[in-house]
Amino acid sequence: MDSEHDRYPIGRFQRCDGPLDQQQRAPLIDDIERAPADIRALVEPLTDAQLTKRYRVDGWTIRQVVHHVPDSHMNSYVRMKLAVTEPNPPRITAYDEARWAELPDANALPVSVSLDLLTALHRRWVHFLRRLSDEDFSRAYLHPELGEFPLYDALALYAWHGRHHAAHIRNALKL
């Protein structure tokens, strides 16, 4: 049976206590900026056989994790842009990440495709994030499960998300 540490090797995500100022946001944006290089460094030297290793008994393969990260981060980038440009908090749709991880691209495509996508996406995303105002970070979208989700929480979540999945990959390589 999987332990809490197997599922959440860096701990569970915790929402912010309130808005984050620029000084608090900067290291989170730095985490988002570093995520593609961190994940690439972990997986680029791996063989196809190593990419099939799972980070926990019922977890995804390393390959699925690598393809999942840009799927998730693309969704977040679009949600953030919607929150900043819509007059009212937009109602976003959730997606079934477990089912996406079972699609053919997540199971067969070379990880280099998603690593390149993640790198390009994060270049745009970081540029966008570094230019948002305090007011922009207080804007929100409406998530069907999480309710109103301000961008400062989304920033913290996706900084955590990249570190979380890099830790999953590290754990899979230790098994």
C-alpha atoms as a PDB file:
ATOM      1  CA  MET A   1       0.000   0.000   0.000  1.00  0.00           C
ATOM      2  CA  ASP A   2       1.230   3.495  -0.864  1.00  0.00           C
ATOM      3  CA  SER A   3       2.196   5.825   1.933  1.00  0.00           C
ATOM      4  CA  GLU A   4       1.317   9.496   2.172  1.00  0.00           C
ATOM      5  CA  HIS A   5       4.975  10.206   1.376  1.00  0.00           C
ATOM      6  CA  ASP A   6       4.787   8.126  -1.822  1.00  0.00           C
ATOM      7  CA  ARG A   7       1.810  10.179  -3.005  1.00  0.00           C
ATOM      8  CA  TYR A   8       3.036  13.547  -1.706  1.00  0.00           C
ATOM      9  CA  PRO A   9       6.823  13.373  -1.371  1.00  0.00           C
ATOM     10  CA  ILE A  10       7.120  17.112  -0.688  1.00  0.00           C
ATOM     11  CA  GLY A  11       3.867  17.286   1.295  1.00  0.00           C
ATOM     12  CA  ARG A  12       0.364  18.225   0.217  1.00  0.00           C
ATOM     13  CA  PHE A  13      -0.300  21.596  -1.368  1.00  0.00           C
ATOM     14  CA  GLN A  14      -1.496  24.234   1.066  1.00  0.00           C
ATOM     15  CA  ARG A  15      -3.471  27.236  -0.165  1.00  0.00           C
ATOM     16  CA  CYS A  16      -2.168  30.669   0.741  1.00  0.00           C
ATOM     17  CA  ASP A  17      -3.406  32.516   3.829  1.00  0.00           C
ATOM     18  CA  GLY A  18      -4.097  35.570   1.697  1.00  0.00           C
ATOM     19  CA  PRO A  19      -2.697  37.592  -1.182  1.00  0.00           C
ATOM     20  CA  LEU A  20       1.032  37.333  -1.839  1.00  0.00           C
ATOM     21  CA  ASP A  21       3.123  40.429  -2.437  1.00  0.00           C
ATOM     22  CA  GLN A  22       5.761  40.667  -5.166  1.00  0.00           C
ATOM     23  CA  GLN A  23       8.527  39.511  -2.823  1.00  0.00           C
ATOM     24  CA  GLN A  24       6.526  36.394  -1.882  1.00  0.00           C
ATOM     25  CA  ARG A  25       5.610  35.658  -5.504  1.00  0.00           C
ATOM     26  CA  ALA A  26       9.141  35.958  -6.908  1.00  0.00           C
ATOM     27  CA  PRO A  27      10.492  32.617  -5.585  1.00  0.00           C
ATOM     28  CA  LEU A  28       7.319  30.844  -6.743  1.00  0.00           C
ATOM     29  CA  ILE A  29       7.743  32.239 -10.248  1.00  0.00           C
ATOM     30  CA  ASP A  30      11.399  31.168 -10.076  1.00  0.00           C
ATOM     31  CA  ASP A  31      10.218  27.626  -9.238  1.00  0.00           C
ATOM     32  CA  ILE A  32       7.973  27.662 -12.304  1.00  0.00           C
ATOM     33  CA  GLU A  33      10.852  28.938 -14.412  1.00  0.00           C
ATOM     34  CA  ARG A  34      13.155  26.129 -13.191  1.00  0.00           C
ATOM     35  CA  ALA A  35      10.668  23.258 -13.513  1.00  0.00           C
ATOM     36  CA  PRO A  36      11.316  22.384 -17.186  1.00  0.00           C
ATOM     37  CA  ALA A  37      15.096  22.221 -16.712  1.00  0.00           C
ATOM     38  CA  ASP A  38      14.742  20.244 -13.480  1.00  0.00           C
ATOM     39  CA  ILE A  39      12.456  17.664 -15.078  1.00  0.00           C
ATOM     40  CA  ARG A  40      14.562  17.518 -18.256  1.00  0.00           C
ATOM     41  CA  ALA A  41      17.736  16.869 -16.224  1.00  0.00           C
ATOM     42  CA  LEU A  42      16.008  13.972 -14.464  1.00  0.00           C
ATOM     43  CA  VAL A  43      14.568  12.229 -17.530  1.00  0.00           C
ATOM     44  CA  GLU A  44      16.714  13.054 -20.556  1.00  0.00           C
ATOM     45  CA  PRO A  45      19.340  10.405 -19.751  1.00  0.00           C
ATOM     46  CA  LEU A  46      16.728   7.678 -19.147  1.00  0.00           C
ATOM     47  CA  THR A  47      16.106   4.687 -21.385  1.00  0.00           C
ATOM     48  CA  ASP A  48      12.637   3.687 -22.581  1.00  0.00           C
ATOM     49  CA  ALA A  49      12.668   0.916 -19.971  1.00  0.00           C
ATOM     50  CA  GLN A  50      13.430   3.403 -17.189  1.00  0.00           C
ATOM     51  CA  LEU A  51      10.590   5.652 -18.385  1.00  0.00           C
ATOM     52  CA  THR A  52       8.169   2.803 -17.625  1.00  0.00           C
ATOM     53  CA  LYS A  53       9.100   2.784 -13.913  1.00  0.00           C
ATOM     54  CA  ARG A  54       6.348   3.904 -11.558  1.00  0.00           C
ATOM     55  CA  TYR A  55       6.885   6.287  -8.662  1.00  0.00           C
ATOM     56  CA  ARG A  56       4.530   4.248  -6.474  1.00  0.00           C
ATOM     57  CA  VAL A  57       2.639   0.978  -6.787  1.00  0.00           C
ATOM     58  CA  ASP A  58      -0.515   2.393  -8.378  1.00  0.00           C
ATOM     59  CA  GLY A  59       1.109   5.559  -9.701  1.00  0.00           C
ATOM     60  CA  TRP A  60       1.917   6.696 -13.179  1.00  0.00           C
ATOM     61  CA  THR A  61       5.042   5.831 -15.093  1.00  0.00           C
ATOM     62  CA  ILE A  62       7.780   8.418 -15.397  1.00  0.00           C
ATOM     63  CA  ARG A  63       6.706   8.860 -19.039  1.00  0.00           C
ATOM     64  CA  GLN A  64       3.116   9.610 -17.972  1.00  0.00           C
ATOM     65  CA  VAL A  65       4.316  12.084 -15.344  1.00  0.00           C
ATOM     66  CA  VAL A  66       6.432  13.940 -17.904  1.00  0.00           C
ATOM     67  CA  HIS A  67       3.486  14.202 -20.304  1.00  0.00           C
ATOM     68  CA  HIS A  68       1.106  15.162 -17.482  1.00  0.00           C
ATOM     69  CA  VAL A  69       3.065  18.218 -16.362  1.00  0.00           C
ATOM     70  CA  PRO A  70       2.609  20.274 -19.567  1.00  0.00           C
ATOM     71  CA  ASP A  71      -1.019  19.111 -19.826  1.00  0.00           C
ATOM     72  CA  SER A  72      -1.657  20.485 -16.359  1.00  0.00           C
ATOM     73  CA  HIS A  73       0.420  23.628 -16.779  1.00  0.00           C
ATOM     74  CA  MET A  74      -1.210  24.508 -20.113  1.00  0.00           C
ATOM     75  CA  ASN A  75      -4.567  24.350 -18.388  1.00  0.00           C
ATOM     76  CA  SER A  76      -3.311  26.626 -15.627  1.00  0.00           C
ATOM     77  CA  TYR A  77      -1.771  29.145 -18.029  1.00  0.00           C
ATOM     78  CA  VAL A  78      -5.049  29.431 -19.947  1.00  0.00           C
ATOM     79  CA  ARG A  79      -7.066  29.691 -16.722  1.00  0.00           C
ATOM     80  CA  MET A  80      -4.836  32.502 -15.483  1.00  0.00           C
ATOM     81  CA  LYS A  81      -5.140  34.401 -18.744  1.00  0.00           C
ATOM     82  CA  LEU A  82      -8.913  34.018 -18.630  1.00  0.00           C
ATOM     83  CA  ALA A  83      -8.995  35.312 -15.046  1.00  0.00           C
ATOM     84  CA  VAL A  84      -6.983  38.389 -16.005  1.00  0.00           C
ATOM     85  CA  THR A  85      -8.952  39.206 -19.148  1.00  0.00           C
ATOM     86  CA  GLU A  86     -12.559  38.384 -18.247  1.00  0.00           C
ATOM     87  CA  PRO A  87     -14.656  41.014 -16.426  1.00  0.00           C
ATOM     88  CA  ASN A  88     -15.924  38.446 -13.895  1.00  0.00           C
ATOM     89  CA  PRO A  89     -14.225  35.335 -12.539  1.00  0.00           C
ATOM     90  CA  PRO A  90     -14.607  32.784 -15.337  1.00  0.00           C
ATOM     91  CA  ARG A  91     -16.012  29.354 -14.574  1.00  0.00           C
ATOM     92  CA  ILE A  92     -13.399  26.915 -15.782  1.00  0.00           C
ATOM     93  CA  THR A  93     -13.778  23.240 -16.489  1.00  0.00           C
ATOM     94  CA  ALA A  94     -11.775  20.579 -14.716  1.00  0.00           C
ATOM     95  CA  TYR A  95     -10.240  17.759 -16.685  1.00  0.00           C
ATOM     96  CA  ASP A  96      -9.790  14.104 -15.776  1.00  0.00           C
ATOM     97  CA  GLU A  97      -6.017  13.980 -15.446  1.00  0.00           C
ATOM     98  CA  ALA A  98      -6.020  10.228 -14.784  1.00  0.00           C
ATOM     99  CA  ARG A  99      -7.827   9.581 -18.066  1.00  0.00           C
ATOM    100  CA  TRP A 100      -5.552  12.006 -19.911  1.00  0.00           C
ATOM    101  CA  ALA A 101      -2.566  10.036 -18.576  1.00  0.00           C
ATOM    102  CA  GLU A 102      -3.968   6.914 -20.251  1.00  0.00           C
ATOM    103  CA  LEU A 103      -4.311   8.497 -23.699  1.00  0.00           C
ATOM    104  CA  PRO A 104      -1.934   7.318 -26.448  1.00  0.00           C
ATOM    105  CA  ASP A 105       0.255  10.424 -26.412  1.00  0.00           C
ATOM    106  CA  ALA A 106       0.960  10.052 -22.681  1.00  0.00           C
ATOM    107  CA  ASN A 107       1.868   6.398 -23.058  1.00  0.00           C
ATOM    108  CA  ALA A 108       3.837   6.279 -26.278  1.00  0.00           C
ATOM    109  CA  LEU A 109       5.125   9.679 -27.362  1.00  0.00           C
ATOM    110  CA  PRO A 110       8.810  10.401 -26.689  1.00  0.00           C
ATOM    111  CA  VAL A 111       9.209  12.526 -23.547  1.00  0.00           C
ATOM    112  CA  SER A 112      11.321  14.992 -25.538  1.00  0.00           C
ATOM    113  CA  VAL A 113       8.106  16.306 -27.131  1.00  0.00           C
ATOM    114  CA  SER A 114       6.604  17.212 -23.750  1.00  0.00           C
ATOM    115  CA  LEU A 115       9.933  18.513 -22.423  1.00  0.00           C
ATOM    116  CA  ASP A 116      10.143  20.923 -25.366  1.00  0.00           C
ATOM    117  CA  LEU A 117       6.497  21.905 -24.926  1.00  0.00           C
ATOM    118  CA  LEU A 118       7.021  22.501 -21.203  1.00  0.00           C
ATOM    119  CA  THR A 119      10.106  24.631 -21.862  1.00  0.00           C
ATOM    120  CA  ALA A 120       8.314  26.834 -24.403  1.00  0.00           C
ATOM    121  CA  LEU A 121       5.160  27.071 -22.296  1.00  0.00           C
ATOM    122  CA  HIS A 122       7.079  28.092 -19.194  1.00  0.00           C
ATOM    123  CA  ARG A 123       9.010  30.789 -21.084  1.00  0.00           C
ATOM    124  CA  ARG A 124       5.695  32.404 -22.017  1.00  0.00           C
ATOM    125  CA  TRP A 125       4.097  31.747 -18.629  1.00  0.00           C
ATOM    126  CA  VAL A 126       6.984  33.210 -16.627  1.00  0.00           C
ATOM    127  CA  HIS A 127       7.047  36.294 -18.864  1.00  0.00           C
ATOM    128  CA  PHE A 128       3.304  36.687 -18.251  1.00  0.00           C
ATOM    129  CA  LEU A 129       3.565  36.094 -14.478  1.00  0.00           C
ATOM    130  CA  ARG A 130       6.415  38.537 -13.922  1.00  0.00           C
ATOM    131  CA  ARG A 131       4.372  41.341 -15.430  1.00  0.00           C
ATOM    132  CA  LEU A 132       1.146  40.859 -13.479  1.00  0.00           C
ATOM    133  CA  SER A 133       0.203  43.403 -10.848  1.00  0.00           C
ATOM    134  CA  ASP A 134      -0.884  42.769  -7.266  1.00  0.00           C
ATOM    135  CA  GLU A 135      -4.436  43.421  -8.461  1.00  0.00           C
ATOM    136  CA  ASP A 136      -4.050  40.858 -11.255  1.00  0.00           C
ATOM    137  CA  PHE A 137      -2.898  38.214  -8.766  1.00  0.00           C
ATOM    138  CA  SER A 138      -6.029  38.843  -6.708  1.00  0.00           C
ATOM    139  CA  ARG A 139      -8.255  38.061  -9.691  1.00  0.00           C
ATOM    140  CA  ALA A 140      -9.717  34.566  -9.665  1.00  0.00           C
ATOM    141  CA  TYR A 141     -11.377  31.848 -11.648  1.00  0.00           C
ATOM    142  CA  LEU A 142     -14.153  29.558 -10.446  1.00  0.00           C
ATOM    143  CA  HIS A 143     -13.060  25.948 -10.199  1.00  0.00           C
ATOM    144  CA  PRO A 144     -15.861  23.350 -10.055  1.00  0.00           C
ATOM    145  CA  GLU A 145     -14.256  21.532  -7.089  1.00  0.00           C
ATOM    146  CA  LEU A 146     -12.149  24.221  -5.400  1.00  0.00           C
ATOM    147  CA  GLY A 147     -14.476  27.205  -5.707  1.00  0.00           C
ATOM    148  CA  GLU A 148     -13.066  30.668  -6.216  1.00  0.00           C
ATOM    149  CA  PHE A 149      -9.355  30.282  -6.855  1.00  0.00           C
ATOM    150  CA  PRO A 150      -7.285  33.495  -6.893  1.00  0.00           C
ATOM    151  CA  LEU A 151      -4.202  33.630  -9.081  1.00  0.00           C
ATOM    152  CA  TYR A 152      -1.885  33.908  -6.079  1.00  0.00           C
ATOM    153  CA  ASP A 153      -3.150  30.461  -5.016  1.00  0.00           C
ATOM    154  CA  ALA A 154      -2.774  29.157  -8.571  1.00  0.00           C
ATOM    155  CA  LEU A 155       0.805  30.461  -8.651  1.00  0.00           C
ATOM    156  CA  ALA A 156       1.620  28.667  -5.393  1.00  0.00           C
ATOM    157  CA  LEU A 157      -0.117  25.497  -6.604  1.00  0.00           C
ATOM    158  CA  TYR A 158       1.810  25.259  -9.852  1.00  0.00           C
ATOM    159  CA  ALA A 159       5.157  26.119  -8.258  1.00  0.00           C
ATOM    160  CA  TRP A 160       4.420  23.210  -5.894  1.00  0.00           C
ATOM    161  CA  HIS A 161       3.168  21.018  -8.759  1.00  0.00           C
ATOM    162  CA  GLY A 162       6.454  21.096 -10.679  1.00  0.00           C
ATOM    163  CA  ARG A 163       8.474  20.273  -7.542  1.00  0.00           C
ATOM    164  CA  HIS A 164       5.930  17.568  -6.595  1.00  0.00           C
ATOM    165  CA  HIS A 165       6.286  15.701  -9.885  1.00  0.00           C
ATOM    166  CA  ALA A 166      10.069  16.115 -10.006  1.00  0.00           C
ATOM    167  CA  ALA A 167      10.075  14.381  -6.599  1.00  0.00           C
ATOM    168  CA  HIS A 168       7.873  11.608  -8.035  1.00  0.00           C
ATOM    169  CA  ILE A 169      10.431  11.050 -10.790  1.00  0.00           C
ATOM    170  CA  ARG A 170      13.282  10.972  -8.271  1.00  0.00           C
ATOM    171  CA  ASN A 171      11.351   8.413  -6.202  1.00  0.00           C
ATOM    172  CA  ALA A 172      10.714   6.220  -9.248  1.00  0.00           C
ATOM    173  CA  LEU A 173      14.425   6.201 -10.035  1.00  0.00           C
ATOM    174  CA  LYS A 174      15.189   4.995  -6.482  1.00  0.00           C
ATOM    175  CA  LEU A 175      12.794   2.023  -6.702  1.00  0.00           C
END
